[in-house]
């Protein structure tokens, strides 16, 4: 892969020997003209950085999914997101660093005047892919907070945007992604090397968009009023989504800062020893004899020895299993935004619910096998694993089977794993000793940023009332069980 330097100034740099005298008056530290393609690259990186990070100031979901627990400062493992204003930080990244960059990229690329038919088609593909990534981001936010500013968001002339109804947003996103799927032209290119996820491959972006449509449909499978929409969305998208793990959407990091994987920054460059495997996750892997265990965690306690720390409790770092060094010490470790395995789990669920006539067991087995092979296991190991009594698909307990195996498969992808737990209520999680939720139980959403309460108070109050209260324990409209 051709290296892409994400820093915006790098795209603006010019040789002094060719620089016009007039250019010397430009403020190169605060550029006003940035290529739209550069802003798209930046949005991809900002999005991936946010979801990959384990920094407790910006992303607590790897803890909330109980993959890991903290060693000394256990606030975030106990659902305290207030001391560090975590919702404010995440809100800013999604609106300012991802969606605003995508909006500006769209505006700048729309103003270009290509002449050749292939360039005109590539421009249309670029604009469509920008919207696909925006839909992915909006979906994540709406399922994280509930009602959020949407139709009036990203408008510098309106600093007090109203909050839109979350289900209305969700349905509009399904409409948008459907149009995007239709608009992609597979015979032409798009961003080329400016696209860090797919290197401009439009076929893969179309598969991604179809996968996103499946994901958003299954998200609202329990909303009875939308059963027809769910069925139609999955029926129209499943044949066009990922055909194999070769199409996984992986953000590719580089070996030099600031373009390394945030996990490398948080776990290695920081010099801090803050996280260990949680007993919730490791105990489940041990009980199943899961072949992914040595790929997930180091054997720092001895060959074949793994031990998780009690979730939410303080612990001695040296006494428990550490995150595998192949993850924590590799600055180029690619981070998945969507995978074939993930979509196979959603399709298995659709079959289990009777939404499709597909074979749920086959899809479920495909998902597990793809995950095991993705992490380094073999087809032989996968075949043996899916035959185990505690793993083998069972229609009578499909929620537990799919919920548990999807959770394992989503390792490192904390938000996706936590969201599946919210929907399916499996696997069983351990309650920490001092949960900072209103009922001392589990959290089901992020609270709104404190800044919204003070700066956009009237609209914030309406939104909080509409969803049932701005609380960690408020279940969103799709989490009906």
Protein backbone atom coordinates (compact mmCIF):
# COMPACT_ATOMS: atom_id res chain seq x y z
CA UNK A 1 0.00 0.00 0.00
CA UNK A 2 1.19 3.44 -0.90
CA UNK A 3 1.87 5.37 2.27
CA UNK A 4 -0.58 8.15 2.99
CA UNK A 5 0.43 10.84 5.42
CA UNK A 6 -2.66 11.96 7.24
CA UNK A 7 -1.42 15.30 8.52
CA UNK A 8 -3.14 17.92 6.42
CA UNK A 9 -0.10 20.12 6.05
CA UNK A 10 1.78 17.34 4.36
CA UNK A 11 -0.62 17.53 1.46
CA UNK A 12 -0.05 21.26 1.18
CA UNK A 13 3.72 21.26 1.30
CA UNK A 14 5.56 22.52 -1.79
CA UNK A 15 9.20 22.75 -2.74
CA UNK A 16 10.79 26.08 -1.90
CA UNK A 17 12.58 26.05 -5.23
CA UNK A 18 9.23 26.13 -7.06
CA UNK A 19 7.28 28.31 -4.68
CA UNK A 20 6.06 31.57 -6.08
CA UNK A 21 7.10 34.73 -4.28
CA UNK A 22 3.44 35.53 -3.63
CA UNK A 23 3.03 32.28 -1.75
CA UNK A 24 5.39 33.53 0.94
CA UNK A 25 2.55 35.64 2.30
CA UNK A 26 0.36 32.59 2.93
CA UNK A 27 -0.16 31.31 6.46
CA UNK A 28 0.80 27.70 5.87
CA UNK A 29 0.14 26.78 9.50
CA UNK A 30 -3.54 27.62 9.08
CA UNK A 31 -4.46 26.56 5.54
CA UNK A 32 -7.79 27.66 4.07
CA UNK A 33 -7.68 25.47 0.97
CA UNK A 34 -7.54 21.73 1.60
CA UNK A 35 -8.33 19.12 -1.06
CA UNK A 36 -11.60 17.31 -0.46
CA UNK A 37 -9.83 14.00 -0.87
CA UNK A 38 -7.49 14.93 1.98
CA UNK A 39 -10.43 15.72 4.25
CA UNK A 40 -11.93 12.34 3.42
CA UNK A 41 -8.67 10.63 4.41
CA UNK A 42 -8.65 12.64 7.61
CA UNK A 43 -12.24 11.69 8.42
CA UNK A 44 -11.43 8.00 7.93
CA UNK A 45 -8.50 8.25 10.31
CA UNK A 46 -10.38 10.28 12.91
CA UNK A 47 -13.21 7.74 12.88
CA UNK A 48 -10.89 4.76 13.15
CA UNK A 49 -8.81 6.41 15.87
CA UNK A 50 -11.91 7.04 17.95
CA UNK A 51 -13.25 3.49 17.73
CA UNK A 52 -9.83 1.85 18.10
CA UNK A 53 -8.66 3.87 21.09
CA UNK A 54 -8.65 2.48 24.61
CA UNK A 55 -7.91 5.92 26.07
CA UNK A 56 -10.37 6.33 28.95
CA UNK A 57 -10.87 10.00 28.12
CA UNK A 58 -12.53 9.18 24.82
CA UNK A 59 -13.64 5.55 24.54
CA UNK A 60 -14.71 3.28 27.41
CA UNK A 61 -16.45 0.58 25.40
CA UNK A 62 -13.67 -2.01 25.46
CA UNK A 63 -14.14 -1.89 29.21
CA UNK A 64 -17.94 -1.88 29.05
CA UNK A 65 -17.81 -4.96 26.80
CA UNK A 66 -15.69 -6.46 29.63
CA UNK A 67 -12.84 -7.51 27.39
CA UNK A 68 -10.51 -5.64 29.75
CA UNK A 69 -10.55 -4.15 33.20
CA UNK A 70 -8.43 -1.42 34.77
CA UNK A 71 -5.62 -2.07 37.21
CA UNK A 72 -5.44 0.96 39.50
CA UNK A 73 -7.94 3.59 38.41
CA UNK A 74 -11.12 1.60 38.01
CA UNK A 75 -13.62 4.46 37.55
CA UNK A 76 -14.40 3.76 33.90
CA UNK A 77 -14.83 0.02 34.55
CA UNK A 78 -17.46 1.10 37.06
CA UNK A 79 -19.22 3.19 34.43
CA UNK A 80 -18.02 6.58 35.60
CA UNK A 81 -17.93 8.66 32.41
CA UNK A 82 -18.41 11.96 34.19
CA UNK A 83 -15.05 12.80 35.78
CA UNK A 84 -13.35 12.82 32.39
CA UNK A 85 -16.38 14.18 30.46
CA UNK A 86 -16.11 11.20 28.11
CA UNK A 87 -19.41 11.90 26.27
CA UNK A 88 -18.26 15.47 25.51
CA UNK A 89 -15.02 14.18 24.02
CA UNK A 90 -16.69 11.51 21.90
CA UNK A 91 -19.42 13.92 20.73
CA UNK A 92 -16.77 16.42 19.59
CA UNK A 93 -14.83 13.80 17.64
CA UNK A 94 -17.87 12.50 15.78
CA UNK A 95 -19.36 15.88 14.93
CA UNK A 96 -16.22 18.00 14.47
CA UNK A 97 -13.52 15.58 13.37
CA UNK A 98 -15.52 13.08 11.32
CA UNK A 99 -18.85 14.47 10.11
CA UNK A 100 -17.62 18.02 9.59
CA UNK A 101 -14.62 16.78 7.62
CA UNK A 102 -16.94 14.63 5.50
CA UNK A 103 -19.28 17.56 4.92
CA UNK A 104 -16.40 19.80 3.79
CA UNK A 105 -15.00 17.02 1.63
CA UNK A 106 -18.38 16.69 -0.06
CA UNK A 107 -18.57 20.44 -0.63
CA UNK A 108 -15.07 20.73 -2.10
CA UNK A 109 -15.34 17.67 -4.33
CA UNK A 110 -18.76 18.84 -5.55
CA UNK A 111 -17.17 22.07 -6.76
CA UNK A 112 -14.65 20.26 -8.95
CA UNK A 113 -15.37 20.35 -12.71
CA UNK A 114 -14.15 17.09 -14.23
CA UNK A 115 -14.43 16.79 -18.03
CA UNK A 116 -13.68 13.19 -18.92
CA UNK A 117 -16.56 10.70 -18.40
CA UNK A 118 -14.39 8.48 -16.19
CA UNK A 119 -13.49 11.44 -13.97
CA UNK A 120 -17.13 12.50 -13.73
CA UNK A 121 -18.05 8.96 -12.67
CA UNK A 122 -15.19 8.87 -10.15
CA UNK A 123 -16.41 12.16 -8.66
CA UNK A 124 -19.90 10.70 -8.20
CA UNK A 125 -18.40 7.63 -6.54
CA UNK A 126 -16.37 9.81 -4.21
CA UNK A 127 -19.44 11.75 -3.10
CA UNK A 128 -21.36 8.51 -2.59
CA UNK A 129 -18.59 6.93 -0.50
CA UNK A 130 -18.44 10.08 1.63
CA UNK A 131 -22.12 9.62 2.40
CA UNK A 132 -21.67 5.92 3.18
CA UNK A 133 -19.05 6.77 5.80
CA UNK A 134 -21.30 9.54 7.15
CA UNK A 135 -24.21 7.08 7.48
CA UNK A 136 -21.92 4.69 9.36
CA UNK A 137 -20.99 7.51 11.75
CA UNK A 138 -24.53 8.77 12.26
CA UNK A 139 -25.72 5.22 12.97
CA UNK A 140 -23.08 4.83 15.64
CA UNK A 141 -24.06 8.11 17.30
CA UNK A 142 -27.80 7.53 17.19
CA UNK A 143 -27.43 4.11 18.78
CA UNK A 144 -25.06 5.56 21.38
CA UNK A 145 -27.11 8.53 22.58
CA UNK A 146 -30.62 8.19 21.14
CA UNK A 147 -32.10 11.46 19.89
CA UNK A 148 -29.33 13.71 18.56
CA UNK A 149 -29.01 16.83 16.38
CA UNK A 150 -29.26 15.59 12.79
CA UNK A 151 -31.24 17.68 10.30
CA UNK A 152 -29.98 20.93 11.85
CA UNK A 153 -26.49 19.69 12.73
CA UNK A 154 -23.22 20.85 11.12
CA UNK A 155 -24.64 24.30 10.42
CA UNK A 156 -22.38 27.10 11.59
CA UNK A 157 -25.31 29.52 11.42
CA UNK A 158 -27.35 27.44 13.86
CA UNK A 159 -25.53 26.90 17.14
CA UNK A 160 -28.68 25.62 18.85
CA UNK A 161 -29.80 22.67 16.72
CA UNK A 162 -32.87 20.68 17.62
CA UNK A 163 -32.56 16.99 18.43
CA UNK A 164 -34.24 14.64 15.95
CA UNK A 165 -36.13 11.51 16.94
CA UNK A 166 -33.71 8.57 16.87
CA UNK A 167 -35.99 6.15 15.00
CA UNK A 168 -36.71 8.82 12.39
CA UNK A 169 -32.96 9.31 11.97
CA UNK A 170 -32.46 5.56 11.68
CA UNK A 171 -35.06 5.22 8.94
CA UNK A 172 -33.60 8.15 7.04
CA UNK A 173 -30.15 6.55 7.25
CA UNK A 174 -31.59 3.37 5.71
CA UNK A 175 -33.00 5.47 2.88
CA UNK A 176 -29.66 7.17 2.37
CA UNK A 177 -27.65 3.95 2.30
CA UNK A 178 -30.12 2.43 -0.17
CA UNK A 179 -29.56 5.37 -2.52
CA UNK A 180 -25.81 5.14 -2.04
CA UNK A 181 -25.83 1.47 -3.03
CA UNK A 182 -27.68 2.35 -6.22
CA UNK A 183 -25.41 5.29 -7.02
CA UNK A 184 -22.08 3.46 -6.88
CA UNK A 185 -20.62 2.83 -10.34
CA UNK A 186 -18.52 -0.33 -10.23
CA UNK A 187 -17.01 0.34 -13.65
CA UNK A 188 -15.14 3.41 -12.42
CA UNK A 189 -12.80 4.44 -9.63
CA UNK A 190 -13.09 6.76 -6.66
CA UNK A 191 -10.47 8.01 -4.20
CA UNK A 192 -7.56 5.76 -5.08
CA UNK A 193 -4.82 5.92 -2.47
CA UNK A 194 -6.61 8.70 -0.57
CA UNK A 195 -8.98 5.98 0.66
CA UNK A 196 -7.10 4.29 3.50
CA UNK A 197 -9.71 1.59 4.02
CA UNK A 198 -10.24 0.22 0.50
CA UNK A 199 -7.75 2.12 -1.67
CA UNK A 200 -10.65 3.39 -3.76
CA UNK A 201 -12.13 -0.04 -4.55
CA UNK A 202 -15.77 0.73 -5.35
CA UNK A 203 -16.83 -2.94 -5.33
CA UNK A 204 -15.72 -3.26 -1.73
CA UNK A 205 -17.45 -0.04 -0.76
CA UNK A 206 -20.68 -1.38 -2.25
CA UNK A 207 -20.30 -4.56 -0.21
CA UNK A 208 -19.64 -2.41 2.88
CA UNK A 209 -22.77 -0.33 2.19
CA UNK A 210 -24.90 -3.45 1.84
CA UNK A 211 -23.43 -4.79 5.08
CA UNK A 212 -24.24 -1.51 6.80
CA UNK A 213 -27.81 -1.78 5.55
CA UNK A 214 -28.10 -5.29 7.00
CA UNK A 215 -26.61 -4.08 10.28
CA UNK A 216 -29.00 -1.13 10.60
CA UNK A 217 -31.98 -3.31 9.75
CA UNK A 218 -31.19 -5.98 12.34
CA UNK A 219 -30.61 -3.19 14.87
CA UNK A 220 -34.34 -2.43 14.85
CA UNK A 221 -35.55 -6.03 14.52
CA UNK A 222 -37.42 -5.78 17.83
CA UNK A 223 -39.29 -2.61 16.82
CA UNK A 224 -42.63 -4.14 15.82
CA UNK A 225 -43.76 -1.17 13.76
CA UNK A 226 -40.77 -1.55 11.44
CA UNK A 227 -40.93 -5.28 10.68
CA UNK A 228 -41.69 -4.72 6.99
CA UNK A 229 -38.80 -2.27 6.67
CA UNK A 230 -36.44 -4.70 8.39
CA UNK A 231 -37.43 -7.58 6.12
CA UNK A 232 -37.23 -5.50 2.93
CA UNK A 233 -33.87 -3.99 3.89
CA UNK A 234 -32.22 -7.33 4.60
CA UNK A 235 -33.74 -8.98 1.53
CA UNK A 236 -32.38 -6.23 -0.72
CA UNK A 237 -28.91 -6.12 0.84
CA UNK A 238 -27.80 -9.59 1.88
CA UNK A 239 -26.79 -10.80 -1.59
CA UNK A 240 -24.65 -7.73 -2.14
CA UNK A 241 -22.69 -7.66 1.08
CA UNK A 242 -19.30 -9.21 1.87
CA UNK A 243 -18.66 -12.42 -0.03
CA UNK A 244 -15.58 -13.31 2.02
CA UNK A 245 -13.22 -11.95 4.71
CA UNK A 246 -11.09 -10.53 1.88
CA UNK A 247 -13.55 -7.62 1.82
CA UNK A 248 -13.21 -6.75 5.52
CA UNK A 249 -13.10 -3.00 6.10
CA UNK A 250 -9.74 -2.55 7.82
CA UNK A 251 -8.19 0.84 8.51
CA UNK A 252 -4.49 0.49 7.74
CA UNK A 253 -2.08 2.21 10.12
CA UNK A 254 1.55 3.11 9.50
CA UNK A 255 4.68 2.55 11.55
CA UNK A 256 5.46 6.18 12.31
CA UNK A 257 3.65 8.63 14.56
CA UNK A 258 1.11 10.18 14.36
CA UNK A 259 -0.24 7.54 12.02
CA UNK A 260 0.12 4.50 14.28
CA UNK A 261 -2.75 2.51 15.75
CA UNK A 262 -4.05 4.27 18.90
CA UNK A 263 -3.77 0.97 20.77
CA UNK A 264 -0.01 1.13 20.26
CA UNK A 265 -0.01 4.68 21.56
CA UNK A 266 -2.20 3.91 24.58
CA UNK A 267 -0.64 0.57 25.52
CA UNK A 268 3.01 0.89 24.52
CA UNK A 269 4.17 4.44 23.81
CA UNK A 270 2.38 5.74 26.91
CA UNK A 271 4.54 3.55 29.13
CA UNK A 272 1.49 2.95 31.29
CA UNK A 273 0.36 -0.47 32.53
CA UNK A 274 -3.33 0.20 32.99
CA UNK A 275 -5.24 -2.70 31.47
CA UNK A 276 -5.49 -6.47 31.89
CA UNK A 277 -7.86 -9.07 30.51
CA UNK A 278 -11.16 -9.17 32.39
CA UNK A 279 -12.33 -12.37 34.03
CA UNK A 280 -15.70 -12.02 32.26
CA UNK A 281 -14.04 -12.58 28.89
CA UNK A 282 -11.13 -14.85 29.74
CA UNK A 283 -13.23 -17.19 31.88
CA UNK A 284 -15.67 -17.65 28.98
CA UNK A 285 -12.85 -18.33 26.52
CA UNK A 286 -11.33 -20.88 28.89
CA UNK A 287 -14.63 -22.64 29.47
CA UNK A 288 -15.13 -23.01 25.72
CA UNK A 289 -11.54 -23.98 24.95
CA UNK A 290 -11.56 -21.14 22.44
CA UNK A 291 -8.65 -21.33 19.94
CA UNK A 292 -8.50 -17.52 19.74
CA UNK A 293 -7.33 -17.15 23.34
CA UNK A 294 -3.56 -17.14 22.58
CA UNK A 295 -4.12 -14.56 19.85
CA UNK A 296 -6.08 -12.29 22.19
CA UNK A 297 -3.80 -12.45 25.24
CA UNK A 298 -0.14 -13.00 26.10
CA UNK A 299 1.08 -16.03 28.02
CA UNK A 300 2.89 -13.80 30.50
CA UNK A 301 1.80 -16.08 33.38
CA UNK A 302 3.35 -19.15 31.80
CA UNK A 303 2.75 -21.32 28.76
CA UNK A 304 -0.97 -21.90 28.29
CA UNK A 305 -1.87 -20.01 31.48
CA UNK A 306 -4.50 -17.27 31.34
CA UNK A 307 -6.19 -15.39 34.15
CA UNK A 308 -8.53 -12.41 34.04
CA UNK A 309 -8.83 -9.75 36.68
CA UNK A 310 -12.15 -9.36 38.50
CA UNK A 311 -14.04 -6.81 36.44
CA UNK A 312 -14.16 -3.37 38.02
CA UNK A 313 -11.80 -4.20 40.89
CA UNK A 314 -8.24 -3.01 41.41
CA UNK A 315 -5.60 -5.61 40.57
CA UNK A 316 -1.88 -6.21 40.28
CA UNK A 317 -0.81 -5.87 36.67
CA UNK A 318 1.76 -8.69 36.85
CA UNK A 319 -0.76 -11.19 38.23
CA UNK A 320 -3.12 -11.30 35.27
CA UNK A 321 -3.11 -11.82 31.51
CA UNK A 322 -1.96 -8.97 29.30
CA UNK A 323 -3.16 -7.94 25.87
CA UNK A 324 -1.24 -9.84 23.20
CA UNK A 325 1.92 -8.00 22.20
CA UNK A 326 1.11 -8.67 18.56
CA UNK A 327 -1.68 -6.14 19.12
CA UNK A 328 -0.27 -3.73 21.69
CA UNK A 329 3.26 -3.46 20.31
CA UNK A 330 2.47 -3.33 16.59
CA UNK A 331 2.00 0.28 15.45
CA UNK A 332 0.61 -0.93 12.10
CA UNK A 333 -2.06 -3.21 13.57
CA UNK A 334 -5.06 -2.69 11.28
CA UNK A 335 -8.37 -1.92 12.94
CA UNK A 336 -11.63 -3.40 11.59
CA UNK A 337 -14.65 -1.16 11.06
CA UNK A 338 -16.79 -3.95 9.61
CA UNK A 339 -16.08 -7.59 8.82
CA UNK A 340 -17.50 -10.55 6.94
CA UNK A 341 -17.82 -12.39 10.27
CA UNK A 342 -19.90 -9.56 11.71
CA UNK A 343 -22.35 -9.54 8.82
CA UNK A 344 -22.67 -13.34 8.91
CA UNK A 345 -23.75 -13.05 12.56
CA UNK A 346 -26.41 -10.46 11.64
CA UNK A 347 -27.67 -12.69 8.83
CA UNK A 348 -27.70 -15.68 11.18
CA UNK A 349 -29.86 -13.65 13.52
CA UNK A 350 -32.18 -12.67 10.69
CA UNK A 351 -32.60 -16.35 9.86
CA UNK A 352 -33.12 -17.29 13.53
CA UNK A 353 -35.87 -14.67 13.80
CA UNK A 354 -37.57 -15.95 10.65
CA UNK A 355 -36.90 -12.74 8.76
CA UNK A 356 -35.20 -14.76 6.01
CA UNK A 357 -35.38 -18.38 4.92
CA UNK A 358 -31.62 -18.84 5.19
CA UNK A 359 -30.05 -21.54 7.35
CA UNK A 360 -29.09 -19.87 10.63
CA UNK A 361 -26.64 -22.61 11.63
CA UNK A 362 -24.65 -22.27 8.40
CA UNK A 363 -24.37 -18.51 8.74
CA UNK A 364 -23.46 -18.82 12.42
CA UNK A 365 -20.74 -21.35 11.62
CA UNK A 366 -19.45 -19.16 8.79
CA UNK A 367 -19.17 -16.24 11.21
CA UNK A 368 -17.23 -18.19 13.84
CA UNK A 369 -14.94 -19.82 11.30
CA UNK A 370 -14.11 -16.50 9.67
CA UNK A 371 -13.32 -14.98 13.05
CA UNK A 372 -11.03 -17.82 14.12
CA UNK A 373 -9.14 -17.69 10.83
CA UNK A 374 -8.94 -13.88 10.95
CA UNK A 375 -7.17 -14.06 14.30
CA UNK A 376 -4.74 -16.75 13.18
CA UNK A 377 -6.50 -20.01 13.93
CA UNK A 378 -6.95 -22.81 11.41
CA UNK A 379 -9.92 -24.21 9.55
CA UNK A 380 -9.40 -27.48 11.42
CA UNK A 381 -9.58 -25.69 14.77
CA UNK A 382 -12.72 -23.86 13.67
CA UNK A 383 -14.39 -27.06 12.51
CA UNK A 384 -13.74 -28.74 15.86
CA UNK A 385 -14.81 -25.68 17.84
CA UNK A 386 -18.24 -25.27 16.24
CA UNK A 387 -19.03 -28.91 17.07
CA UNK A 388 -18.61 -28.38 20.81
CA UNK A 389 -21.85 -28.68 22.76
CA UNK A 390 -21.50 -25.23 24.30
CA UNK A 391 -20.78 -23.66 20.90
CA UNK A 392 -22.89 -25.59 18.38
CA UNK A 393 -25.87 -23.63 17.09
CA UNK A 394 -29.18 -24.28 18.79
CA UNK A 395 -32.34 -22.58 17.53
CA UNK A 396 -33.96 -22.83 20.95
CA UNK A 397 -31.21 -20.68 22.48
CA UNK A 398 -30.22 -18.62 19.44
CA UNK A 399 -29.90 -15.36 21.34
CA UNK A 400 -27.41 -16.83 23.78
CA UNK A 401 -25.45 -18.65 21.07
CA UNK A 402 -25.23 -15.74 18.65
CA UNK A 403 -24.83 -13.13 21.39
CA UNK A 404 -21.94 -14.97 23.02
CA UNK A 405 -20.07 -15.85 19.86
CA UNK A 406 -20.56 -12.40 18.32
CA UNK A 407 -19.14 -10.89 21.52
CA UNK A 408 -16.06 -13.07 21.25
CA UNK A 409 -15.71 -12.32 17.55
CA UNK A 410 -15.93 -8.57 18.14
CA UNK A 411 -12.86 -8.55 20.41
CA UNK A 412 -11.34 -5.01 20.54
CA UNK A 413 -14.48 -3.59 18.93
CA UNK A 414 -15.99 -2.60 22.24
CA UNK A 415 -18.91 -0.49 21.06
CA UNK A 416 -20.18 -3.11 18.60
CA UNK A 417 -19.88 -5.83 21.27
CA UNK A 418 -21.63 -3.74 23.94
CA UNK A 419 -24.40 -2.87 21.48
CA UNK A 420 -25.01 -6.53 20.64
CA UNK A 421 -25.16 -7.25 24.38
CA UNK A 422 -27.75 -4.49 24.74
CA UNK A 423 -29.87 -6.00 21.97
CA UNK A 424 -29.59 -9.71 22.73
CA UNK A 425 -28.94 -9.63 26.50
CA UNK A 426 -26.12 -12.16 26.15
CA UNK A 427 -23.57 -13.06 27.35
CA UNK A 428 -23.96 -12.64 31.10
CA UNK A 429 -21.80 -9.77 32.32
CA UNK A 430 -20.25 -9.23 35.75
CA UNK A 431 -21.54 -6.29 37.72
CA UNK A 432 -18.62 -4.20 39.02
CA UNK A 433 -18.42 -3.35 42.73
CA UNK A 434 -19.35 0.33 42.47
CA UNK A 435 -21.32 1.03 39.28
CA UNK A 436 -21.93 4.75 38.78
CA UNK A 437 -25.30 4.28 37.17
CA UNK A 438 -28.53 5.62 38.57
CA UNK A 439 -29.65 2.18 39.78
CA UNK A 440 -26.19 0.70 40.42
CA UNK A 441 -26.73 -1.59 37.44
CA UNK A 442 -25.49 -1.74 33.86
CA UNK A 443 -25.38 1.22 31.43
CA UNK A 444 -27.44 1.19 28.24
CA UNK A 445 -26.39 4.46 26.61
CA UNK A 446 -23.99 7.38 26.90
CA UNK A 447 -25.41 10.45 28.59
CA UNK A 448 -25.46 13.67 26.61
CA UNK A 449 -22.41 15.96 26.85
CA UNK A 450 -22.43 18.42 29.71
CA UNK A 451 -21.81 21.20 27.20
CA UNK A 452 -25.15 20.49 25.58
CA UNK A 453 -26.91 20.99 28.89
CA UNK A 454 -25.44 24.46 29.30
CA UNK A 455 -25.16 25.69 25.70
CA UNK A 456 -28.22 24.09 24.08
CA UNK A 457 -30.34 23.67 27.17
CA UNK A 458 -33.86 23.94 25.77
CA UNK A 459 -33.29 21.40 23.01
CA UNK A 460 -31.32 19.16 25.36
CA UNK A 461 -34.19 19.14 27.86
CA UNK A 462 -36.71 18.18 25.17
CA UNK A 463 -34.49 15.39 23.92
CA UNK A 464 -33.84 14.01 27.40
CA UNK A 465 -37.57 13.98 28.14
CA UNK A 466 -38.37 12.33 24.79
CA UNK A 467 -36.11 9.32 25.37
CA UNK A 468 -37.13 8.78 29.00
CA UNK A 469 -34.42 10.76 30.77
CA UNK A 470 -30.76 11.56 30.15
CA UNK A 471 -29.53 8.62 32.18
CA UNK A 472 -27.06 5.81 31.71
CA UNK A 473 -29.82 3.31 32.44
CA UNK A 474 -32.29 4.66 29.86
CA UNK A 475 -32.89 2.02 27.23
CA UNK A 476 -33.22 3.28 23.68
CA UNK A 477 -36.22 2.63 21.45
CA UNK A 478 -34.74 -0.51 19.84
CA UNK A 479 -33.72 -2.10 23.15
CA UNK A 480 -37.20 -3.27 24.08
CA UNK A 481 -36.42 -6.44 26.06
